[in-house]
Amino acid sequence: MKLILCGLCLALLPGVASAQRKLGEAATVRSVEIQGAAAPGGKVTAVIQVQIEKGYHTHSNKPSEPQFIPTILTIDPAPGVRVGTVNYPAGKVEKVAGLEKPLSIYENQFELSVPLGLTAAVKLPATLQATLKYQACQGAQCYAPQKLKFDIKLEAKP
């Protein structure tokens, strides 16, 4: 019986290993909330909650040095939807060992919001493809830039 259980565990190990994240894949979208009533001719705001894994940080949207990679949200155009300017939180100023100047970072969790204008001709429900581009770091060690893709869904509300 033990031999069968050990064999089963070994067979499952590759699946568990592949489910682990790569170094630098530190951000997840916790939620996307639509504030306001989505209706033709209306306006709504998409509020995105982003979680950064413990021990990691990303550079803010306005990094402290021009060579650092900013955190940027992009939303692909969709018929009948006008994407407004993304509202980013201010970065937290943090001194990191090994670097001369303090960094402007996001850590733990942060919130982004973006206004969406709906034309009279918009077809609801609609799905917008969004991408969060970021570079995760642990202390002064930074990893390859990442692209986290997710959807923003607009449902018709009376």
N, C-alpha and C. Protein backbone atom coordinates (compact mmCIF):
# COMPACT_ATOMS: atom_id res chain seq x y z
N MET A 1 0.83 -1.20 0.00
CA MET A 1 0.00 0.00 0.00
C MET A 1 0.88 1.27 0.00
N LYS A 2 1.95 1.24 0.83
CA LYS A 2 2.85 2.39 0.88
C LYS A 2 3.50 2.62 -0.46
N LEU A 3 3.83 1.54 -1.14
CA LEU A 3 4.47 1.66 -2.45
C LEU A 3 3.55 2.35 -3.46
N ILE A 4 2.26 2.02 -3.41
CA ILE A 4 1.28 2.65 -4.31
C ILE A 4 1.16 4.13 -4.00
N LEU A 5 1.07 4.49 -2.71
CA LEU A 5 0.97 5.90 -2.33
C LEU A 5 2.21 6.69 -2.73
N CYS A 6 3.39 6.10 -2.55
CA CYS A 6 4.62 6.78 -2.95
C CYS A 6 4.65 7.00 -4.46
N GLY A 7 4.24 5.98 -5.22
CA GLY A 7 4.19 6.11 -6.67
C GLY A 7 3.23 7.19 -7.10
N LEU A 8 2.07 7.28 -6.44
CA LEU A 8 1.08 8.31 -6.75
C LEU A 8 1.64 9.69 -6.46
N CYS A 9 2.32 9.83 -5.32
CA CYS A 9 2.92 11.13 -4.97
C CYS A 9 3.96 11.56 -6.01
N LEU A 10 4.81 10.61 -6.42
CA LEU A 10 5.83 10.93 -7.42
C LEU A 10 5.20 11.31 -8.76
N ALA A 11 4.10 10.67 -9.11
CA ALA A 11 3.43 10.99 -10.37
C ALA A 11 2.84 12.39 -10.35
N LEU A 12 2.42 12.85 -9.17
CA LEU A 12 1.79 14.17 -9.06
C LEU A 12 2.80 15.30 -8.91
N LEU A 13 4.04 14.99 -8.52
CA LEU A 13 5.03 16.04 -8.30
C LEU A 13 5.26 16.95 -9.49
N PRO A 14 5.39 16.47 -10.72
CA PRO A 14 5.61 17.40 -11.84
C PRO A 14 4.49 18.42 -11.99
N GLY A 15 3.25 18.05 -11.73
CA GLY A 15 2.12 18.99 -11.82
C GLY A 15 2.21 20.06 -10.76
N VAL A 16 2.64 19.67 -9.55
CA VAL A 16 2.78 20.64 -8.47
C VAL A 16 3.90 21.61 -8.79
N ALA A 17 5.01 21.10 -9.28
CA ALA A 17 6.16 21.97 -9.60
C ALA A 17 5.82 22.96 -10.70
N SER A 18 5.05 22.53 -11.71
CA SER A 18 4.72 23.45 -12.79
C SER A 18 3.72 24.52 -12.37
N ALA A 19 2.99 24.27 -11.28
CA ALA A 19 2.01 25.24 -10.80
C ALA A 19 2.70 26.37 -10.03
N GLN A 20 3.97 26.18 -9.63
CA GLN A 20 4.67 27.21 -8.90
C GLN A 20 5.02 28.34 -9.84
N ARG A 21 5.10 29.53 -9.26
CA ARG A 21 5.42 30.71 -10.06
C ARG A 21 6.92 30.81 -10.27
N LYS A 22 7.29 31.49 -11.35
CA LYS A 22 8.70 31.76 -11.64
C LYS A 22 9.13 32.96 -10.81
N LEU A 23 10.45 33.08 -10.62
CA LEU A 23 10.97 34.26 -9.93
C LEU A 23 10.51 35.52 -10.64
N GLY A 24 10.02 36.47 -9.88
CA GLY A 24 9.58 37.73 -10.46
C GLY A 24 8.10 37.79 -10.79
N GLU A 25 7.41 36.65 -10.79
CA GLU A 25 5.96 36.65 -11.00
C GLU A 25 5.30 36.88 -9.65
N ALA A 26 5.27 38.13 -9.23
CA ALA A 26 4.88 38.46 -7.87
C ALA A 26 3.53 39.16 -7.75
N ALA A 27 2.90 39.53 -8.83
CA ALA A 27 1.64 40.28 -8.77
C ALA A 27 0.48 39.39 -9.19
N THR A 28 -0.65 39.58 -8.51
CA THR A 28 -1.91 38.95 -8.90
C THR A 28 -3.01 40.00 -8.80
N VAL A 29 -4.03 39.85 -9.63
CA VAL A 29 -5.19 40.74 -9.53
C VAL A 29 -6.17 40.08 -8.57
N ARG A 30 -6.39 40.72 -7.43
CA ARG A 30 -7.31 40.17 -6.42
C ARG A 30 -8.76 40.37 -6.83
N SER A 31 -9.06 41.53 -7.42
CA SER A 31 -10.44 41.78 -7.83
C SER A 31 -10.50 42.93 -8.83
N VAL A 32 -11.57 42.90 -9.62
CA VAL A 32 -11.89 44.00 -10.53
C VAL A 32 -13.34 44.34 -10.25
N GLU A 33 -13.57 45.55 -9.75
CA GLU A 33 -14.92 46.00 -9.41
C GLU A 33 -15.32 47.13 -10.36
N ILE A 34 -16.53 47.06 -10.87
CA ILE A 34 -17.06 48.13 -11.71
C ILE A 34 -17.96 49.00 -10.85
N GLN A 35 -17.59 50.26 -10.72
CA GLN A 35 -18.39 51.20 -9.95
C GLN A 35 -19.24 52.02 -10.91
N GLY A 36 -20.53 52.06 -10.63
CA GLY A 36 -21.46 52.75 -11.50
C GLY A 36 -22.27 51.75 -12.30
N ALA A 37 -23.31 52.24 -12.96
CA ALA A 37 -24.19 51.38 -13.75
C ALA A 37 -23.73 51.39 -15.21
N ALA A 38 -23.34 50.22 -15.69
CA ALA A 38 -22.91 50.11 -17.09
C ALA A 38 -24.15 50.13 -17.97
N ALA A 39 -24.27 51.17 -18.77
CA ALA A 39 -25.39 51.32 -19.69
C ALA A 39 -24.92 52.17 -20.87
N PRO A 40 -25.49 51.97 -22.05
CA PRO A 40 -25.11 52.79 -23.20
C PRO A 40 -25.20 54.28 -22.87
N GLY A 41 -24.15 55.01 -23.23
CA GLY A 41 -24.10 56.45 -22.97
C GLY A 41 -23.64 56.80 -21.56
N GLY A 42 -23.36 55.81 -20.74
CA GLY A 42 -22.98 56.07 -19.34
C GLY A 42 -21.49 56.06 -19.10
N LYS A 43 -21.14 56.21 -17.84
CA LYS A 43 -19.75 56.18 -17.41
C LYS A 43 -19.64 55.27 -16.20
N VAL A 44 -18.56 54.51 -16.15
CA VAL A 44 -18.27 53.66 -15.00
C VAL A 44 -16.78 53.81 -14.67
N THR A 45 -16.40 53.27 -13.53
CA THR A 45 -15.00 53.24 -13.15
C THR A 45 -14.63 51.81 -12.82
N ALA A 46 -13.54 51.33 -13.42
CA ALA A 46 -13.00 50.01 -13.08
C ALA A 46 -11.97 50.20 -11.97
N VAL A 47 -12.16 49.48 -10.87
CA VAL A 47 -11.24 49.55 -9.73
C VAL A 47 -10.56 48.18 -9.62
N ILE A 48 -9.25 48.18 -9.73
CA ILE A 48 -8.47 46.95 -9.77
C ILE A 48 -7.63 46.86 -8.50
N GLN A 49 -7.80 45.77 -7.76
CA GLN A 49 -7.00 45.51 -6.56
C GLN A 49 -5.87 44.57 -6.94
N VAL A 50 -4.63 45.00 -6.72
CA VAL A 50 -3.45 44.21 -7.06
C VAL A 50 -2.75 43.78 -5.78
N GLN A 51 -2.37 42.51 -5.73
CA GLN A 51 -1.65 41.95 -4.59
C GLN A 51 -0.21 41.65 -5.02
N ILE A 52 0.76 42.08 -4.21
CA ILE A 52 2.17 41.77 -4.44
C ILE A 52 2.58 40.77 -3.36
N GLU A 53 3.22 39.69 -3.79
CA GLU A 53 3.64 38.65 -2.86
C GLU A 53 4.57 39.21 -1.79
N LYS A 54 4.46 38.64 -0.60
CA LYS A 54 5.31 39.05 0.52
C LYS A 54 6.79 38.91 0.14
N GLY A 55 7.56 39.92 0.51
CA GLY A 55 8.98 39.92 0.23
C GLY A 55 9.36 40.57 -1.09
N TYR A 56 8.38 40.86 -1.93
CA TYR A 56 8.60 41.52 -3.21
C TYR A 56 8.11 42.96 -3.16
N HIS A 57 8.59 43.77 -4.10
CA HIS A 57 8.01 45.08 -4.38
C HIS A 57 8.13 45.30 -5.88
N THR A 58 7.36 46.26 -6.39
CA THR A 58 7.51 46.70 -7.77
C THR A 58 7.80 48.19 -7.74
N HIS A 59 8.39 48.68 -8.80
CA HIS A 59 8.57 50.13 -8.88
C HIS A 59 7.19 50.74 -9.10
N SER A 60 6.97 51.91 -8.56
CA SER A 60 5.68 52.59 -8.75
C SER A 60 5.52 53.01 -10.20
N ASN A 61 4.41 53.66 -10.50
CA ASN A 61 4.19 54.17 -11.85
C ASN A 61 5.16 55.31 -12.18
N LYS A 62 5.67 55.94 -11.15
CA LYS A 62 6.66 57.02 -11.32
C LYS A 62 7.91 56.62 -10.52
N PRO A 63 8.76 55.75 -11.12
CA PRO A 63 9.94 55.28 -10.40
C PRO A 63 10.87 56.42 -10.01
N SER A 64 11.68 56.16 -9.00
CA SER A 64 12.59 57.19 -8.50
C SER A 64 13.76 57.47 -9.44
N GLU A 65 14.04 56.55 -10.36
CA GLU A 65 15.12 56.74 -11.33
C GLU A 65 14.59 56.39 -12.73
N PRO A 66 15.01 57.10 -13.75
CA PRO A 66 14.47 56.87 -15.10
C PRO A 66 14.77 55.48 -15.68
N GLN A 67 15.83 54.83 -15.21
CA GLN A 67 16.16 53.51 -15.74
C GLN A 67 15.32 52.39 -15.12
N PHE A 68 14.59 52.69 -14.05
CA PHE A 68 13.75 51.67 -13.42
C PHE A 68 12.45 51.50 -14.20
N ILE A 69 11.94 50.30 -14.23
CA ILE A 69 10.75 49.98 -15.02
C ILE A 69 9.49 50.29 -14.21
N PRO A 70 8.63 51.19 -14.71
CA PRO A 70 7.41 51.55 -13.97
C PRO A 70 6.34 50.47 -14.06
N THR A 71 5.43 50.49 -13.10
CA THR A 71 4.23 49.65 -13.14
C THR A 71 3.21 50.39 -14.00
N ILE A 72 2.72 49.73 -15.06
CA ILE A 72 1.82 50.39 -16.01
C ILE A 72 0.64 49.47 -16.33
N LEU A 73 -0.55 50.02 -16.28
CA LEU A 73 -1.77 49.32 -16.69
C LEU A 73 -2.16 49.80 -18.08
N THR A 74 -2.34 48.86 -19.01
CA THR A 74 -2.86 49.20 -20.32
C THR A 74 -4.15 48.42 -20.55
N ILE A 75 -5.07 49.04 -21.26
CA ILE A 75 -6.35 48.41 -21.58
C ILE A 75 -6.54 48.51 -23.08
N ASP A 76 -6.75 47.36 -23.71
CA ASP A 76 -6.94 47.34 -25.16
C ASP A 76 -8.24 48.02 -25.54
N PRO A 77 -8.27 48.73 -26.65
CA PRO A 77 -9.50 49.38 -27.10
C PRO A 77 -10.59 48.34 -27.37
N ALA A 78 -11.82 48.73 -27.12
CA ALA A 78 -12.97 47.87 -27.40
C ALA A 78 -14.06 48.74 -28.04
N PRO A 79 -14.84 48.17 -28.95
CA PRO A 79 -15.90 48.96 -29.60
C PRO A 79 -16.88 49.54 -28.58
N GLY A 80 -17.08 50.83 -28.68
CA GLY A 80 -18.06 51.50 -27.83
C GLY A 80 -17.58 51.87 -26.44
N VAL A 81 -16.29 51.67 -26.16
CA VAL A 81 -15.75 51.99 -24.83
C VAL A 81 -14.56 52.93 -24.98
N ARG A 82 -14.62 54.06 -24.28
CA ARG A 82 -13.50 55.00 -24.25
C ARG A 82 -12.78 54.83 -22.90
N VAL A 83 -11.50 54.54 -22.96
CA VAL A 83 -10.71 54.32 -21.75
C VAL A 83 -10.10 55.65 -21.33
N GLY A 84 -10.34 56.02 -20.08
CA GLY A 84 -9.77 57.26 -19.55
C GLY A 84 -8.36 57.06 -19.02
N THR A 85 -7.88 58.05 -18.31
CA THR A 85 -6.54 58.02 -17.74
C THR A 85 -6.52 57.17 -16.47
N VAL A 86 -5.57 56.26 -16.39
CA VAL A 86 -5.44 55.39 -15.21
C VAL A 86 -4.98 56.22 -14.03
N ASN A 87 -5.62 56.00 -12.88
CA ASN A 87 -5.23 56.65 -11.63
C ASN A 87 -4.36 55.67 -10.84
N TYR A 88 -3.11 56.05 -10.63
CA TYR A 88 -2.15 55.22 -9.89
C TYR A 88 -1.97 55.79 -8.49
N PRO A 89 -1.73 54.94 -7.51
CA PRO A 89 -1.42 55.48 -6.18
C PRO A 89 -0.01 56.04 -6.16
N ALA A 90 0.25 56.90 -5.20
CA ALA A 90 1.62 57.39 -5.01
C ALA A 90 2.46 56.21 -4.52
N GLY A 91 3.70 56.18 -4.91
CA GLY A 91 4.58 55.12 -4.44
C GLY A 91 5.03 55.37 -3.01
N LYS A 92 5.37 54.30 -2.34
CA LYS A 92 5.93 54.38 -0.99
C LYS A 92 7.44 54.59 -1.15
N VAL A 93 8.00 55.58 -0.45
CA VAL A 93 9.43 55.83 -0.52
C VAL A 93 10.12 54.88 0.45
N GLU A 94 11.03 54.08 -0.10
CA GLU A 94 11.67 53.01 0.69
C GLU A 94 13.16 52.98 0.42
N LYS A 95 13.96 52.95 1.48
CA LYS A 95 15.40 52.79 1.35
C LYS A 95 15.68 51.30 1.28
N VAL A 96 16.41 50.88 0.25
CA VAL A 96 16.72 49.48 0.04
C VAL A 96 18.22 49.28 0.20
N ALA A 97 18.59 48.28 0.98
CA ALA A 97 20.01 47.98 1.20
C ALA A 97 20.68 47.70 -0.15
N GLY A 98 21.85 48.29 -0.34
CA GLY A 98 22.59 48.09 -1.58
C GLY A 98 22.36 49.18 -2.61
N LEU A 99 21.40 50.07 -2.37
CA LEU A 99 21.13 51.16 -3.31
C LEU A 99 21.34 52.50 -2.60
N GLU A 100 21.89 53.47 -3.33
CA GLU A 100 22.15 54.79 -2.74
C GLU A 100 20.88 55.56 -2.43
N LYS A 101 20.00 55.66 -3.42
CA LYS A 101 18.81 56.49 -3.28
C LYS A 101 17.59 55.65 -2.91
N PRO A 102 16.64 56.24 -2.18
CA PRO A 102 15.40 55.52 -1.88
C PRO A 102 14.60 55.27 -3.16
N LEU A 103 13.80 54.22 -3.14
CA LEU A 103 12.95 53.86 -4.27
C LEU A 103 11.53 54.31 -4.04
N SER A 104 10.78 54.47 -5.13
CA SER A 104 9.34 54.71 -5.09
C SER A 104 8.70 53.38 -5.50
N ILE A 105 8.06 52.69 -4.53
CA ILE A 105 7.62 51.32 -4.78
C ILE A 105 6.16 51.09 -4.41
N TYR A 106 5.64 49.95 -4.90
CA TYR A 106 4.39 49.39 -4.43
C TYR A 106 4.75 48.06 -3.77
N GLU A 107 4.13 47.78 -2.63
CA GLU A 107 4.30 46.49 -1.98
C GLU A 107 2.99 46.09 -1.33
N ASN A 108 2.88 44.85 -0.94
CA ASN A 108 1.67 44.28 -0.34
C ASN A 108 0.50 44.36 -1.31
N GLN A 109 -0.27 45.43 -1.25
CA GLN A 109 -1.38 45.59 -2.19
C GLN A 109 -1.56 47.06 -2.54
N PHE A 110 -2.12 47.28 -3.72
CA PHE A 110 -2.41 48.64 -4.14
C PHE A 110 -3.62 48.60 -5.07
N GLU A 111 -4.19 49.79 -5.30
CA GLU A 111 -5.42 49.90 -6.08
C GLU A 111 -5.21 50.85 -7.25
N LEU A 112 -5.69 50.44 -8.41
CA LEU A 112 -5.70 51.27 -9.61
C LEU A 112 -7.14 51.53 -9.98
N SER A 113 -7.41 52.67 -10.58
CA SER A 113 -8.76 52.92 -11.08
C SER A 113 -8.67 53.60 -12.44
N VAL A 114 -9.67 53.32 -13.27
CA VAL A 114 -9.69 53.91 -14.60
C VAL A 114 -11.13 54.17 -15.00
N PRO A 115 -11.42 55.41 -15.41
CA PRO A 115 -12.78 55.72 -15.88
C PRO A 115 -13.01 55.15 -17.28
N LEU A 116 -14.21 54.66 -17.50
CA LEU A 116 -14.59 54.10 -18.81
C LEU A 116 -15.86 54.79 -19.28
N GLY A 117 -15.79 55.40 -20.45
CA GLY A 117 -16.97 56.04 -21.04
C GLY A 117 -17.61 55.08 -22.04
N LEU A 118 -18.91 54.91 -21.96
CA LEU A 118 -19.63 54.00 -22.85
C LEU A 118 -20.42 54.82 -23.86
N THR A 119 -20.23 54.52 -25.14
CA THR A 119 -20.97 55.25 -26.16
C THR A 119 -22.41 54.73 -26.20
N ALA A 120 -23.24 55.44 -26.91
CA ALA A 120 -24.64 55.01 -27.06
C ALA A 120 -24.73 53.70 -27.84
N ALA A 121 -23.71 53.38 -28.63
CA ALA A 121 -23.73 52.18 -29.47
C ALA A 121 -23.03 50.97 -28.82
N VAL A 122 -22.57 51.09 -27.58
CA VAL A 122 -21.86 49.98 -26.95
C VAL A 122 -22.76 48.75 -26.83
N LYS A 123 -22.18 47.60 -27.06
CA LYS A 123 -22.90 46.33 -26.91
C LYS A 123 -22.48 45.71 -25.59
N LEU A 124 -23.42 45.57 -24.66
CA LEU A 124 -23.14 44.96 -23.36
C LEU A 124 -23.75 43.58 -23.30
N PRO A 125 -23.14 42.61 -22.65
CA PRO A 125 -21.89 42.74 -21.91
C PRO A 125 -20.69 42.89 -22.84
N ALA A 126 -19.65 43.51 -22.30
CA ALA A 126 -18.40 43.72 -23.04
C ALA A 126 -17.23 43.30 -22.16
N THR A 127 -16.19 42.80 -22.79
CA THR A 127 -14.99 42.40 -22.05
C THR A 127 -13.80 43.16 -22.61
N LEU A 128 -13.08 43.82 -21.72
CA LEU A 128 -11.87 44.55 -22.10
C LEU A 128 -10.66 43.75 -21.63
N GLN A 129 -9.68 43.61 -22.51
CA GLN A 129 -8.43 42.94 -22.12
C GLN A 129 -7.49 43.99 -21.53
N ALA A 130 -6.96 43.65 -20.35
CA ALA A 130 -6.04 44.56 -19.66
C ALA A 130 -4.73 43.84 -19.40
N THR A 131 -3.65 44.63 -19.30
CA THR A 131 -2.33 44.08 -19.00
C THR A 131 -1.66 44.98 -17.97
N LEU A 132 -1.18 44.36 -16.89
CA LEU A 132 -0.39 45.07 -15.89
C LEU A 132 1.07 44.70 -16.15
N LYS A 133 1.86 45.70 -16.53
CA LYS A 133 3.29 45.49 -16.77
C LYS A 133 4.03 45.97 -15.53
N TYR A 134 4.95 45.13 -15.04
CA TYR A 134 5.67 45.48 -13.82
C TYR A 134 7.00 44.73 -13.78
N GLN A 135 7.86 45.17 -12.88
CA GLN A 135 9.09 44.45 -12.60
C GLN A 135 9.16 44.25 -11.10
N ALA A 136 9.18 42.99 -10.69
CA ALA A 136 9.24 42.67 -9.27
C ALA A 136 10.69 42.60 -8.82
N CYS A 137 10.90 43.04 -7.58
CA CYS A 137 12.24 43.01 -6.99
C CYS A 137 12.14 42.49 -5.56
N GLN A 138 13.24 41.92 -5.10
CA GLN A 138 13.42 41.55 -3.70
C GLN A 138 14.66 42.29 -3.25
N GLY A 139 14.47 43.33 -2.44
CA GLY A 139 15.60 44.18 -2.08
C GLY A 139 16.13 44.85 -3.32
N ALA A 140 17.46 44.76 -3.54
CA ALA A 140 18.09 45.38 -4.71
C ALA A 140 18.12 44.42 -5.90
N GLN A 141 17.66 43.18 -5.72
CA GLN A 141 17.64 42.17 -6.80
C GLN A 141 16.32 42.26 -7.56
N CYS A 142 16.39 42.64 -8.84
CA CYS A 142 15.19 42.73 -9.66
C CYS A 142 15.17 41.60 -10.69
N TYR A 143 13.97 41.19 -11.07
CA TYR A 143 13.78 40.07 -11.99
C TYR A 143 13.28 40.59 -13.34
N ALA A 144 13.13 39.69 -14.27
CA ALA A 144 12.68 40.06 -15.61
C ALA A 144 11.31 40.73 -15.54
N PRO A 145 11.07 41.74 -16.37
CA PRO A 145 9.75 42.39 -16.40
C PRO A 145 8.66 41.36 -16.74
N GLN A 146 7.47 41.59 -16.18
CA GLN A 146 6.34 40.67 -16.34
C GLN A 146 5.15 41.39 -16.96
N LYS A 147 4.26 40.59 -17.56
CA LYS A 147 2.99 41.09 -18.09
C LYS A 147 1.90 40.20 -17.51
N LEU A 148 1.03 40.78 -16.71
CA LEU A 148 -0.08 40.06 -16.10
C LEU A 148 -1.35 40.45 -16.85
N LYS A 149 -1.92 39.51 -17.59
CA LYS A 149 -3.11 39.78 -18.39
C LYS A 149 -4.36 39.38 -17.60
N PHE A 150 -5.42 40.20 -17.73
CA PHE A 150 -6.69 39.91 -17.08
C PHE A 150 -7.80 40.63 -17.82
N ASP A 151 -9.04 40.29 -17.49
CA ASP A 151 -10.21 40.88 -18.16
C ASP A 151 -10.94 41.85 -17.24
N ILE A 152 -11.52 42.87 -17.86
CA ILE A 152 -12.44 43.79 -17.18
C ILE A 152 -13.79 43.56 -17.87
N LYS A 153 -14.75 43.07 -17.10
CA LYS A 153 -16.05 42.72 -17.67
C LYS A 153 -17.09 43.77 -17.32
N LEU A 154 -17.77 44.25 -18.34
CA LEU A 154 -18.84 45.23 -18.18
C LEU A 154 -20.17 44.54 -18.44
N GLU A 155 -20.98 44.46 -17.41
CA GLU A 155 -22.31 43.83 -17.51
C GLU A 155 -23.35 44.93 -17.52
N ALA A 156 -24.40 44.74 -18.33
CA ALA A 156 -25.50 45.72 -18.38
C ALA A 156 -26.22 45.74 -17.03
N LYS A 157 -26.44 46.93 -16.52
CA LYS A 157 -27.17 47.09 -15.25
C LYS A 157 -28.33 48.03 -15.51
N PRO A 158 -29.47 47.68 -14.98
CA PRO A 158 -30.66 48.53 -15.20
C PRO A 158 -30.55 49.89 -14.53
